[in-house]
Amino acid sequence: EMALAILLEAALSFLGLGVPPPLPSWGLMIAEAKDYMFFSPWVI
């Protein structure tokens, strides 16, 4: 369940409905990096 909760939090943060931007979240990091994925794929 811990693994599932982490994935759900990442999904919510990716969609902008999770933790607010100053807090660290891998879903938020992936969402912010999607604009740069073609030029700097390592960011995502």
PDB file of all heavy atoms in Angstrom:
ATOM      1  N   GLU A   1       0.824  -1.206   0.000  1.00  0.00           N
ATOM      2  CA  GLU A   1       0.000   0.000   0.000  1.00  0.00           C
ATOM      3  C   GLU A   1       0.861   1.261   0.000  1.00  0.00           C
ATOM      4  O   GLU A   1       0.465   2.289  -0.550  1.00  0.00           O
ATOM      5  CB  GLU A   1      -0.941   0.008   1.202  1.00  0.00           C
ATOM      6  CG  GLU A   1      -2.071  -0.983   1.086  1.00  0.00           C
ATOM      7  CD  GLU A   1      -2.999  -0.680  -0.068  1.00  0.00           C
ATOM      8  OE1 GLU A   1      -3.484   0.453  -0.173  1.00  0.00           O
ATOM      9  OE2 GLU A   1      -3.234  -1.589  -0.870  1.00  0.00           O
ATOM     10  N   MET A   2       2.038   1.183   0.616  1.00  0.00           N
ATOM     11  CA  MET A   2       2.944   2.324   0.604  1.00  0.00           C
ATOM     12  C   MET A   2       3.386   2.640  -0.821  1.00  0.00           C
ATOM     13  O   MET A   2       3.411   3.806  -1.231  1.00  0.00           O
ATOM     14  CB  MET A   2       4.168   2.022   1.475  1.00  0.00           C
ATOM     15  CG  MET A   2       5.086   3.190   1.677  1.00  0.00           C
ATOM     16  SD  MET A   2       6.600   2.794   2.592  1.00  0.00           S
ATOM     17  CE  MET A   2       6.129   1.535   3.721  1.00  0.00           C
ATOM     18  N   ALA A   3       3.698   1.612  -1.586  1.00  0.00           N
ATOM     19  CA  ALA A   3       4.088   1.816  -2.985  1.00  0.00           C
ATOM     20  C   ALA A   3       2.933   2.398  -3.786  1.00  0.00           C
ATOM     21  O   ALA A   3       3.131   3.318  -4.604  1.00  0.00           O
ATOM     22  CB  ALA A   3       4.555   0.490  -3.594  1.00  0.00           C
ATOM     23  N   LEU A   4       1.729   1.919  -3.562  1.00  0.00           N
ATOM     24  CA  LEU A   4       0.562   2.447  -4.260  1.00  0.00           C
ATOM     25  C   LEU A   4       0.310   3.908  -3.885  1.00  0.00           C
ATOM     26  O   LEU A   4      -0.005   4.734  -4.747  1.00  0.00           O
ATOM     27  CB  LEU A   4      -0.670   1.601  -3.950  1.00  0.00           C
ATOM     28  CG  LEU A   4      -1.971   2.051  -4.600  1.00  0.00           C
ATOM     29  CD1 LEU A   4      -1.866   1.978  -6.115  1.00  0.00           C
ATOM     30  CD2 LEU A   4      -3.122   1.219  -4.100  1.00  0.00           C
ATOM     31  N   ALA A   5       0.469   4.249  -2.624  1.00  0.00           N
ATOM     32  CA  ALA A   5       0.259   5.632  -2.183  1.00  0.00           C
ATOM     33  C   ALA A   5       1.280   6.567  -2.820  1.00  0.00           C
ATOM     34  O   ALA A   5       0.943   7.693  -3.209  1.00  0.00           O
ATOM     35  CB  ALA A   5       0.329   5.719  -0.664  1.00  0.00           C
ATOM     36  N   ILE A   6       2.515   6.121  -2.952  1.00  0.00           N
ATOM     37  CA  ILE A   6       3.543   6.944  -3.586  1.00  0.00           C
ATOM     38  C   ILE A   6       3.205   7.187  -5.049  1.00  0.00           C
ATOM     39  O   ILE A   6       3.323   8.309  -5.558  1.00  0.00           O
ATOM     40  CB  ILE A   6       4.930   6.286  -3.426  1.00  0.00           C
ATOM     41  CG1 ILE A   6       5.374   6.368  -1.969  1.00  0.00           C
ATOM     42  CG2 ILE A   6       5.966   6.948  -4.331  1.00  0.00           C
ATOM     43  CD1 ILE A   6       6.603   5.550  -1.656  1.00  0.00           C
ATOM     44  N   LEU A   7       2.755   6.154  -5.737  1.00  0.00           N
ATOM     45  CA  LEU A   7       2.371   6.321  -7.142  1.00  0.00           C
ATOM     46  C   LEU A   7       1.154   7.230  -7.301  1.00  0.00           C
ATOM     47  O   LEU A   7       1.095   8.052  -8.224  1.00  0.00           O
ATOM     48  CB  LEU A   7       2.088   4.963  -7.779  1.00  0.00           C
ATOM     49  CG  LEU A   7       3.310   4.122  -8.116  1.00  0.00           C
ATOM     50  CD1 LEU A   7       2.895   2.755  -8.635  1.00  0.00           C
ATOM     51  CD2 LEU A   7       4.177   4.837  -9.136  1.00  0.00           C
ATOM     52  N   LEU A   8       0.177   7.098  -6.419  1.00  0.00           N
ATOM     53  CA  LEU A   8      -1.002   7.962  -6.496  1.00  0.00           C
ATOM     54  C   LEU A   8      -0.650   9.419  -6.208  1.00  0.00           C
ATOM     55  O   LEU A   8      -1.156  10.329  -6.864  1.00  0.00           O
ATOM     56  CB  LEU A   8      -2.085   7.480  -5.538  1.00  0.00           C
ATOM     57  CG  LEU A   8      -2.855   6.253  -5.987  1.00  0.00           C
ATOM     58  CD1 LEU A   8      -3.784   5.776  -4.886  1.00  0.00           C
ATOM     59  CD2 LEU A   8      -3.636   6.537  -7.240  1.00  0.00           C
ATOM     60  N   GLU A   9       0.231   9.637  -5.249  1.00  0.00           N
ATOM     61  CA  GLU A   9       0.662  11.009  -4.959  1.00  0.00           C
ATOM     62  C   GLU A   9       1.406  11.586  -6.140  1.00  0.00           C
ATOM     63  O   GLU A   9       1.202  12.760  -6.502  1.00  0.00           O
ATOM     64  CB  GLU A   9       1.546  11.036  -3.711  1.00  0.00           C
ATOM     65  CG  GLU A   9       1.956  12.421  -3.275  1.00  0.00           C
ATOM     66  CD  GLU A   9       3.137  12.978  -4.057  1.00  0.00           C
ATOM     67  OE1 GLU A   9       4.039  12.204  -4.436  1.00  0.00           O
ATOM     68  OE2 GLU A   9       3.147  14.202  -4.299  1.00  0.00           O
ATOM     69  N   ALA A  10       2.255  10.786  -6.769  1.00  0.00           N
ATOM     70  CA  ALA A  10       2.990  11.263  -7.945  1.00  0.00           C
ATOM     71  C   ALA A  10       2.029  11.579  -9.091  1.00  0.00           C
ATOM     72  O   ALA A  10       2.214  12.574  -9.798  1.00  0.00           O
ATOM     73  CB  ALA A  10       4.027  10.226  -8.372  1.00  0.00           C
ATOM     74  N   ALA A  11       1.015  10.751  -9.269  1.00  0.00           N
ATOM     75  CA  ALA A  11       0.040  11.008 -10.337  1.00  0.00           C
ATOM     76  C   ALA A  11      -0.746  12.287 -10.072  1.00  0.00           C
ATOM     77  O   ALA A  11      -0.959  13.092 -10.980  1.00  0.00           O
ATOM     78  CB  ALA A  11      -0.911   9.825 -10.467  1.00  0.00           C
ATOM     79  N   LEU A  12      -1.178  12.478  -8.823  1.00  0.00           N
ATOM     80  CA  LEU A  12      -1.897  13.709  -8.491  1.00  0.00           C
ATOM     81  C   LEU A  12      -1.008  14.937  -8.654  1.00  0.00           C
ATOM     82  O   LEU A  12      -1.445  15.972  -9.164  1.00  0.00           O
ATOM     83  CB  LEU A  12      -2.437  13.641  -7.056  1.00  0.00           C
ATOM     84  CG  LEU A  12      -3.619  12.715  -6.817  1.00  0.00           C
ATOM     85  CD1 LEU A  12      -3.936  12.646  -5.335  1.00  0.00           C
ATOM     86  CD2 LEU A  12      -4.826  13.186  -7.595  1.00  0.00           C
ATOM     87  N   SER A  13       0.239  14.835  -8.243  1.00  0.00           N
ATOM     88  CA  SER A  13       1.159  15.962  -8.384  1.00  0.00           C
ATOM     89  C   SER A  13       1.477  16.233  -9.846  1.00  0.00           C
ATOM     90  O   SER A  13       1.636  17.391 -10.246  1.00  0.00           O
ATOM     91  CB  SER A  13       2.450  15.693  -7.614  1.00  0.00           C
ATOM     92  OG  SER A  13       2.189  15.639  -6.238  1.00  0.00           O
ATOM     93  N   PHE A  14       1.570  15.188 -10.649  1.00  0.00           N
ATOM     94  CA  PHE A  14       1.806  15.373 -12.080  1.00  0.00           C
ATOM     95  C   PHE A  14       0.662  16.148 -12.720  1.00  0.00           C
ATOM     96  O   PHE A  14       0.873  16.997 -13.594  1.00  0.00           O
ATOM     97  CB  PHE A  14       1.971  14.009 -12.766  1.00  0.00           C
ATOM     98  CG  PHE A  14       2.159  14.108 -14.245  1.00  0.00           C
ATOM     99  CD1 PHE A  14       3.392  14.447 -14.776  1.00  0.00           C
ATOM    100  CD2 PHE A  14       1.111  13.863 -15.115  1.00  0.00           C
ATOM    101  CE1 PHE A  14       3.581  14.547 -16.148  1.00  0.00           C
ATOM    102  CE2 PHE A  14       1.275  13.964 -16.482  1.00  0.00           C
ATOM    103  CZ  PHE A  14       2.521  14.302 -17.000  1.00  0.00           C
ATOM    104  N   LEU A  15      -0.555  15.892 -12.283  1.00  0.00           N
ATOM    105  CA  LEU A  15      -1.724  16.576 -12.828  1.00  0.00           C
ATOM    106  C   LEU A  15      -1.964  17.950 -12.191  1.00  0.00           C
ATOM    107  O   LEU A  15      -2.894  18.650 -12.571  1.00  0.00           O
ATOM    108  CB  LEU A  15      -2.965  15.713 -12.646  1.00  0.00           C
ATOM    109  CG  LEU A  15      -2.947  14.392 -13.418  1.00  0.00           C
ATOM    110  CD1 LEU A  15      -4.120  13.530 -13.019  1.00  0.00           C
ATOM    111  CD2 LEU A  15      -2.930  14.653 -14.914  1.00  0.00           C
ATOM    112  N   GLY A  16      -1.126  18.315 -11.228  1.00  0.00           N
ATOM    113  CA  GLY A  16      -1.274  19.611 -10.579  1.00  0.00           C
ATOM    114  C   GLY A  16      -2.242  19.619  -9.421  1.00  0.00           C
ATOM    115  O   GLY A  16      -2.622  20.679  -8.939  1.00  0.00           O
ATOM    116  N   LEU A  17      -2.670  18.444  -8.975  1.00  0.00           N
ATOM    117  CA  LEU A  17      -3.639  18.347  -7.881  1.00  0.00           C
ATOM    118  C   LEU A  17      -3.039  17.747  -6.621  1.00  0.00           C
ATOM    119  O   LEU A  17      -3.761  17.411  -5.688  1.00  0.00           O
ATOM    120  CB  LEU A  17      -4.838  17.513  -8.329  1.00  0.00           C
ATOM    121  CG  LEU A  17      -5.597  18.046  -9.530  1.00  0.00           C
ATOM    122  CD1 LEU A  17      -6.618  17.030 -10.005  1.00  0.00           C
ATOM    123  CD2 LEU A  17      -6.252  19.364  -9.211  1.00  0.00           C
ATOM    124  N   GLY A  18      -1.732  17.604  -6.599  1.00  0.00           N
ATOM    125  CA  GLY A  18      -1.058  17.007  -5.448  1.00  0.00           C
ATOM    126  C   GLY A  18      -0.489  18.067  -4.528  1.00  0.00           C
ATOM    127  O   GLY A  18      -1.141  19.061  -4.226  1.00  0.00           O
ATOM    128  N   VAL A  19       0.756  17.866  -4.134  1.00  0.00           N
ATOM    129  CA  VAL A  19       1.406  18.814  -3.231  1.00  0.00           C
ATOM    130  C   VAL A  19       1.733  20.095  -3.979  1.00  0.00           C
ATOM    131  O   VAL A  19       1.970  20.083  -5.183  1.00  0.00           O
ATOM    132  CB  VAL A  19       2.676  18.185  -2.614  1.00  0.00           C
ATOM    133  CG1 VAL A  19       2.325  17.000  -1.756  1.00  0.00           C
ATOM    134  CG2 VAL A  19       3.680  17.813  -3.665  1.00  0.00           C
ATOM    135  N   PRO A  20       1.739  21.222  -3.290  1.00  0.00           N
ATOM    136  CA  PRO A  20       2.043  22.495  -3.967  1.00  0.00           C
ATOM    137  C   PRO A  20       3.520  22.572  -4.371  1.00  0.00           C
ATOM    138  O   PRO A  20       4.369  21.911  -3.781  1.00  0.00           O
ATOM    139  CB  PRO A  20       1.679  23.552  -2.929  1.00  0.00           C
ATOM    140  CG  PRO A  20       1.589  22.859  -1.632  1.00  0.00           C
ATOM    141  CD  PRO A  20       1.322  21.422  -1.908  1.00  0.00           C
ATOM    142  N   PRO A  21       3.847  23.380  -5.357  1.00  0.00           N
ATOM    143  CA  PRO A  21       5.182  23.423  -5.945  1.00  0.00           C
ATOM    144  C   PRO A  21       6.384  23.613  -5.027  1.00  0.00           C
ATOM    145  O   PRO A  21       7.425  23.061  -5.338  1.00  0.00           O
ATOM    146  CB  PRO A  21       5.088  24.574  -6.950  1.00  0.00           C
ATOM    147  CG  PRO A  21       3.669  24.588  -7.350  1.00  0.00           C
ATOM    148  CD  PRO A  21       2.905  24.177  -6.129  1.00  0.00           C
ATOM    149  N   PRO A  22       6.346  24.317  -3.918  1.00  0.00           N
ATOM    150  CA  PRO A  22       7.603  24.371  -3.156  1.00  0.00           C
ATOM    151  C   PRO A  22       7.985  23.033  -2.536  1.00  0.00           C
ATOM    152  O   PRO A  22       9.154  22.777  -2.268  1.00  0.00           O
ATOM    153  CB  PRO A  22       7.346  25.400  -2.065  1.00  0.00           C
ATOM    154  CG  PRO A  22       6.039  26.017  -2.342  1.00  0.00           C
ATOM    155  CD  PRO A  22       5.351  25.222  -3.391  1.00  0.00           C
ATOM    156  N   LEU A  23       7.023  22.150  -2.307  1.00  0.00           N
ATOM    157  CA  LEU A  23       7.323  20.852  -1.710  1.00  0.00           C
ATOM    158  C   LEU A  23       7.852  19.892  -2.779  1.00  0.00           C
ATOM    159  O   LEU A  23       7.395  19.920  -3.917  1.00  0.00           O
ATOM    160  CB  LEU A  23       6.063  20.263  -1.066  1.00  0.00           C
ATOM    161  CG  LEU A  23       5.521  21.032   0.132  1.00  0.00           C
ATOM    162  CD1 LEU A  23       4.201  20.449   0.579  1.00  0.00           C
ATOM    163  CD2 LEU A  23       6.510  20.998   1.279  1.00  0.00           C
ATOM    164  N   PRO A  24       8.802  19.037  -2.416  1.00  0.00           N
ATOM    165  CA  PRO A  24       9.357  18.114  -3.404  1.00  0.00           C
ATOM    166  C   PRO A  24       8.405  16.951  -3.696  1.00  0.00           C
ATOM    167  O   PRO A  24       7.831  16.360  -2.794  1.00  0.00           O
ATOM    168  CB  PRO A  24      10.642  17.603  -2.745  1.00  0.00           C
ATOM    169  CG  PRO A  24      10.403  17.766  -1.285  1.00  0.00           C
ATOM    170  CD  PRO A  24       9.491  18.950  -1.131  1.00  0.00           C
ATOM    171  N   SER A  25       8.249  16.661  -4.964  1.00  0.00           N
ATOM    172  CA  SER A  25       7.442  15.530  -5.406  1.00  0.00           C
ATOM    173  C   SER A  25       7.950  15.092  -6.767  1.00  0.00           C
ATOM    174  O   SER A  25       8.146  15.932  -7.650  1.00  0.00           O
ATOM    175  CB  SER A  25       5.971  15.926  -5.500  1.00  0.00           C
ATOM    176  OG  SER A  25       5.240  14.904  -6.138  1.00  0.00           O
ATOM    177  N   TRP A  26       8.135  13.800  -6.941  1.00  0.00           N
ATOM    178  CA  TRP A  26       8.626  13.317  -8.228  1.00  0.00           C
ATOM    179  C   TRP A  26       7.587  13.517  -9.318  1.00  0.00           C
ATOM    180  O   TRP A  26       7.931  13.765 -10.456  1.00  0.00           O
ATOM    181  CB  TRP A  26       9.046  11.871  -8.129  1.00  0.00           C
ATOM    182  CG  TRP A  26      10.395  11.718  -7.483  1.00  0.00           C
ATOM    183  CD1 TRP A  26      11.447  12.548  -7.635  1.00  0.00           C
ATOM    184  CD2 TRP A  26      10.805  10.693  -6.605  1.00  0.00           C
ATOM    185  NE1 TRP A  26      12.503  12.096  -6.891  1.00  0.00           N
ATOM    186  CE2 TRP A  26      12.131  10.943  -6.242  1.00  0.00           C
ATOM    187  CE3 TRP A  26      10.183   9.580  -6.073  1.00  0.00           C
ATOM    188  CZ2 TRP A  26      12.862  10.133  -5.399  1.00  0.00           C
ATOM    189  CZ3 TRP A  26      10.909   8.763  -5.229  1.00  0.00           C
ATOM    190  CH2 TRP A  26      12.229   9.040  -4.898  1.00  0.00           C
ATOM    191  N   GLY A  27       6.333  13.431  -8.987  1.00  0.00           N
ATOM    192  CA  GLY A  27       5.296  13.705  -9.975  1.00  0.00           C
ATOM    193  C   GLY A  27       5.328  15.147 -10.434  1.00  0.00           C
ATOM    194  O   GLY A  27       5.162  15.448 -11.621  1.00  0.00           O
ATOM    195  N   LEU A  28       5.562  16.062  -9.503  1.00  0.00           N
ATOM    196  CA  LEU A  28       5.673  17.474  -9.843  1.00  0.00           C
ATOM    197  C   LEU A  28       6.928  17.736 -10.674  1.00  0.00           C
ATOM    198  O   LEU A  28       6.896  18.535 -11.621  1.00  0.00           O
ATOM    199  CB  LEU A  28       5.692  18.305  -8.559  1.00  0.00           C
ATOM    200  CG  LEU A  28       5.580  19.809  -8.685  1.00  0.00           C
ATOM    201  CD1 LEU A  28       4.266  20.184  -9.361  1.00  0.00           C
ATOM    202  CD2 LEU A  28       5.669  20.448  -7.315  1.00  0.00           C
ATOM    203  N   MET A  29       8.024  17.066 -10.339  1.00  0.00           N
ATOM    204  CA  MET A  29       9.252  17.216 -11.119  1.00  0.00           C
ATOM    205  C   MET A  29       9.067  16.729 -12.553  1.00  0.00           C
ATOM    206  O   MET A  29       9.542  17.362 -13.496  1.00  0.00           O
ATOM    207  CB  MET A  29      10.398  16.448 -10.462  1.00  0.00           C
ATOM    208  CG  MET A  29      10.895  17.031  -9.187  1.00  0.00           C
ATOM    209  SD  MET A  29      12.208  15.977  -8.539  1.00  0.00           S
ATOM    210  CE  MET A  29      12.343  16.594  -6.894  1.00  0.00           C
ATOM    211  N   ILE A  30       8.369  15.619 -12.706  1.00  0.00           N
ATOM    212  CA  ILE A  30       8.113  15.093 -14.055  1.00  0.00           C
ATOM    213  C   ILE A  30       7.204  16.055 -14.821  1.00  0.00           C
ATOM    214  O   ILE A  30       7.413  16.310 -16.010  1.00  0.00           O
ATOM    215  CB  ILE A  30       7.509  13.673 -13.970  1.00  0.00           C
ATOM    216  CG1 ILE A  30       8.545  12.695 -13.414  1.00  0.00           C
ATOM    217  CG2 ILE A  30       7.011  13.204 -15.328  1.00  0.00           C
ATOM    218  CD1 ILE A  30       7.990  11.339 -13.065  1.00  0.00           C
ATOM    219  N   ALA A  31       6.203  16.614 -14.151  1.00  0.00           N
ATOM    220  CA  ALA A  31       5.293  17.558 -14.814  1.00  0.00           C
ATOM    221  C   ALA A  31       6.028  18.820 -15.257  1.00  0.00           C
ATOM    222  O   ALA A  31       5.783  19.332 -16.357  1.00  0.00           O
ATOM    223  CB  ALA A  31       4.148  17.918 -13.874  1.00  0.00           C
ATOM    224  N   GLU A  32       6.920  19.313 -14.413  1.00  0.00           N
ATOM    225  CA  GLU A  32       7.666  20.511 -14.775  1.00  0.00           C
ATOM    226  C   GLU A  32       8.690  20.244 -15.870  1.00  0.00           C
ATOM    227  O   GLU A  32       9.044  21.147 -16.619  1.00  0.00           O
ATOM    228  CB  GLU A  32       8.355  21.093 -13.542  1.00  0.00           C
ATOM    229  CG  GLU A  32       7.382  21.695 -12.544  1.00  0.00           C
ATOM    230  CD  GLU A  32       8.052  22.147 -11.262  1.00  0.00           C
ATOM    231  OE1 GLU A  32       9.248  21.836 -11.062  1.00  0.00           O
ATOM    232  OE2 GLU A  32       7.375  22.805 -10.457  1.00  0.00           O
ATOM    233  N   ALA A  33       9.166  19.009 -15.972  1.00  0.00           N
ATOM    234  CA  ALA A  33      10.195  18.674 -16.956  1.00  0.00           C
ATOM    235  C   ALA A  33       9.627  18.266 -18.304  1.00  0.00           C
ATOM    236  O   ALA A  33      10.387  18.114 -19.264  1.00  0.00           O
ATOM    237  CB  ALA A  33      11.073  17.553 -16.407  1.00  0.00           C
ATOM    238  N   LYS A  34       8.316  18.092 -18.409  1.00  0.00           N
ATOM    239  CA  LYS A  34       7.755  17.602 -19.675  1.00  0.00           C
ATOM    240  C   LYS A  34       7.943  18.592 -20.820  1.00  0.00           C
ATOM    241  O   LYS A  34       7.975  18.200 -21.974  1.00  0.00           O
ATOM    242  CB  LYS A  34       6.292  17.213 -19.511  1.00  0.00           C
ATOM    243  CG  LYS A  34       5.361  18.364 -19.309  1.00  0.00           C
ATOM    244  CD  LYS A  34       3.943  17.884 -19.101  1.00  0.00           C
ATOM    245  CE  LYS A  34       3.097  19.109 -18.828  1.00  0.00           C
ATOM    246  NZ  LYS A  34       1.930  18.863 -18.097  1.00  0.00           N
ATOM    247  N   ASP A  35       8.095  19.880 -20.516  1.00  0.00           N
ATOM    248  CA  ASP A  35       8.328  20.867 -21.567  1.00  0.00           C
ATOM    249  C   ASP A  35       9.730  20.739 -22.170  1.00  0.00           C
ATOM    250  O   ASP A  35       9.967  21.188 -23.286  1.00  0.00           O
ATOM    251  CB  ASP A  35       8.145  22.282 -21.024  1.00  0.00           C
ATOM    252  CG  ASP A  35       6.711  22.545 -20.594  1.00  0.00           C
ATOM    253  OD1 ASP A  35       5.807  21.887 -21.162  1.00  0.00           O
ATOM    254  OD2 ASP A  35       6.505  23.375 -19.691  1.00  0.00           O
ATOM    255  N   TYR A  36      10.658  20.153 -21.419  1.00  0.00           N
ATOM    256  CA  TYR A  36      12.044  20.062 -21.860  1.00  0.00           C
ATOM    257  C   TYR A  36      12.448  18.657 -22.287  1.00  0.00           C
ATOM    258  O   TYR A  36      13.625  18.397 -22.514  1.00  0.00           O
ATOM    259  CB  TYR A  36      12.977  20.514 -20.734  1.00  0.00           C
ATOM    260  CG  TYR A  36      12.624  21.868 -20.199  1.00  0.00           C
ATOM    261  CD1 TYR A  36      11.993  22.004 -18.960  1.00  0.00           C
ATOM    262  CD2 TYR A  36      12.899  23.010 -20.922  1.00  0.00           C
ATOM    263  CE1 TYR A  36      11.655  23.237 -18.465  1.00  0.00           C
ATOM    264  CE2 TYR A  36      12.563  24.259 -20.439  1.00  0.00           C
ATOM    265  CZ  TYR A  36      11.942  24.369 -19.205  1.00  0.00           C
ATOM    266  OH  TYR A  36      11.604  25.598 -18.730  1.00  0.00           O
ATOM    267  N   MET A  37      11.504  17.724 -22.379  1.00  0.00           N
ATOM    268  CA  MET A  37      11.865  16.328 -22.594  1.00  0.00           C
ATOM    269  C   MET A  37      12.473  16.056 -23.967  1.00  0.00           C
ATOM    270  O   MET A  37      13.200  15.088 -24.129  1.00  0.00           O
ATOM    271  CB  MET A  37      10.685  15.402 -22.333  1.00  0.00           C
ATOM    272  CG  MET A  37       9.605  15.417 -23.324  1.00  0.00           C
ATOM    273  SD  MET A  37       8.344  14.275 -22.734  1.00  0.00           S
ATOM    274  CE  MET A  37       7.331  14.210 -24.157  1.00  0.00           C
ATOM    275  N   PHE A  38      12.216  16.880 -24.961  1.00  0.00           N
ATOM    276  CA  PHE A  38      12.814  16.650 -26.272  1.00  0.00           C
ATOM    277  C   PHE A  38      14.222  17.217 -26.368  1.00  0.00           C
ATOM    278  O   PHE A  38      15.034  16.735 -27.145  1.00  0.00           O
ATOM    279  CB  PHE A  38      11.929  17.252 -27.371  1.00  0.00           C
ATOM    280  CG  PHE A  38      10.614  16.559 -27.505  1.00  0.00           C
ATOM    281  CD1 PHE A  38       9.435  17.221 -27.224  1.00  0.00           C
ATOM    282  CD2 PHE A  38      10.566  15.221 -27.877  1.00  0.00           C
ATOM    283  CE1 PHE A  38       8.217  16.569 -27.320  1.00  0.00           C
ATOM    284  CE2 PHE A  38       9.343  14.570 -27.984  1.00  0.00           C
ATOM    285  CZ  PHE A  38       8.172  15.249 -27.710  1.00  0.00           C
ATOM    286  N   PHE A  39      14.530  18.250 -25.573  1.00  0.00           N
ATOM    287  CA  PHE A  39      15.837  18.882 -25.647  1.00  0.00           C
ATOM    288  C   PHE A  39      16.782  18.379 -24.561  1.00  0.00           C
ATOM    289  O   PHE A  39      17.985  18.299 -24.790  1.00  0.00           O
ATOM    290  CB  PHE A  39      15.694  20.411 -25.546  1.00  0.00           C
ATOM    291  CG  PHE A  39      14.763  20.955 -26.575  1.00  0.00           C
ATOM    292  CD1 PHE A  39      13.519  21.438 -26.215  1.00  0.00           C
ATOM    293  CD2 PHE A  39      15.112  20.965 -27.912  1.00  0.00           C
ATOM    294  CE1 PHE A  39      12.645  21.929 -27.165  1.00  0.00           C
ATOM    295  CE2 PHE A  39      14.247  21.456 -28.872  1.00  0.00           C
ATOM    296  CZ  PHE A  39      13.015  21.941 -28.506  1.00  0.00           C
ATOM    297  N   SER A  40      16.244  18.078 -23.402  1.00  0.00           N
ATOM    298  CA  SER A  40      17.028  17.551 -22.280  1.00  0.00           C
ATOM    299  C   SER A  40      16.264  16.393 -21.652  1.00  0.00           C
ATOM    300  O   SER A  40      15.610  16.547 -20.613  1.00  0.00           O
ATOM    301  CB  SER A  40      17.271  18.640 -21.241  1.00  0.00           C
ATOM    302  OG  SER A  40      17.934  19.732 -21.793  1.00  0.00           O
ATOM    303  N   PRO A  41      16.335  15.212 -22.253  1.00  0.00           N
ATOM    304  CA  PRO A  41      15.523  14.097 -21.740  1.00  0.00           C
ATOM    305  C   PRO A  41      15.910  13.638 -20.342  1.00  0.00           C
ATOM    306  O   PRO A  41      15.089  13.055 -19.641  1.00  0.00           O
ATOM    307  CB  PRO A  41      15.739  12.991 -22.769  1.00  0.00           C
ATOM    308  CG  PRO A  41      16.946  13.367 -23.520  1.00  0.00           C
ATOM    309  CD  PRO A  41      17.088  14.848 -23.432  1.00  0.00           C
ATOM    310  N   TRP A  42      17.122  13.916 -19.925  1.00  0.00           N
ATOM    311  CA  TRP A  42      17.542  13.483 -18.596  1.00  0.00           C
ATOM    312  C   TRP A  42      16.751  14.196 -17.497  1.00  0.00           C
ATOM    313  O   TRP A  42      16.620  13.689 -16.388  1.00  0.00           O
ATOM    314  CB  TRP A  42      19.039  13.717 -18.414  1.00  0.00           C
ATOM    315  CG  TRP A  42      19.440  15.160 -18.560  1.00  0.00           C
ATOM    316  CD1 TRP A  42      19.807  15.798 -19.708  1.00  0.00           C
ATOM    317  CD2 TRP A  42      19.472  16.135 -17.530  1.00  0.00           C
ATOM    318  NE1 TRP A  42      20.068  17.110 -19.458  1.00  0.00           N
ATOM    319  CE2 TRP A  42      19.877  17.357 -18.115  1.00  0.00           C
ATOM    320  CE3 TRP A  42      19.213  16.112 -16.173  1.00  0.00           C
ATOM    321  CZ2 TRP A  42      20.024  18.523 -17.398  1.00  0.00           C
ATOM    322  CZ3 TRP A  42      19.354  17.275 -15.449  1.00  0.00           C
ATOM    323  CH2 TRP A  42      19.763  18.472 -16.065  1.00  0.00           C
ATOM    324  N   VAL A  43      16.206  15.378 -17.789  1.00  0.00           N
ATOM    325  CA  VAL A  43      15.453  16.136 -16.795  1.00  0.00           C
ATOM    326  C   VAL A  43      14.180  15.392 -16.390  1.00  0.00           C
ATOM    327  O   VAL A  43      13.766  15.437 -15.235  1.00  0.00           O
ATOM    328  CB  VAL A  43      15.113  17.545 -17.345  1.00  0.00           C
ATOM    329  CG1 VAL A  43      14.265  18.319 -16.366  1.00  0.00           C
ATOM    330  CG2 VAL A  43      16.368  18.314 -17.671  1.00  0.00           C
ATOM    331  N   ILE A  44      13.593  14.686 -17.322  1.00  0.00           N
ATOM    332  CA  ILE A  44      12.385  13.921 -17.010  1.00  0.00           C
ATOM    333  C   ILE A  44      12.720  12.478 -16.619  1.00  0.00           C
ATOM    334  O   ILE A  44      11.973  11.841 -15.891  1.00  0.00           O
ATOM    335  CB  ILE A  44      11.391  13.970 -18.185  1.00  0.00           C
ATOM    336  CG1 ILE A  44       9.982  13.646 -17.700  1.00  0.00           C
ATOM    337  CG2 ILE A  44      11.787  13.034 -19.293  1.00  0.00           C
ATOM    338  CD1 ILE A  44       8.913  13.951 -18.712  1.00  0.00           C
TER     339      ILE A  44
END
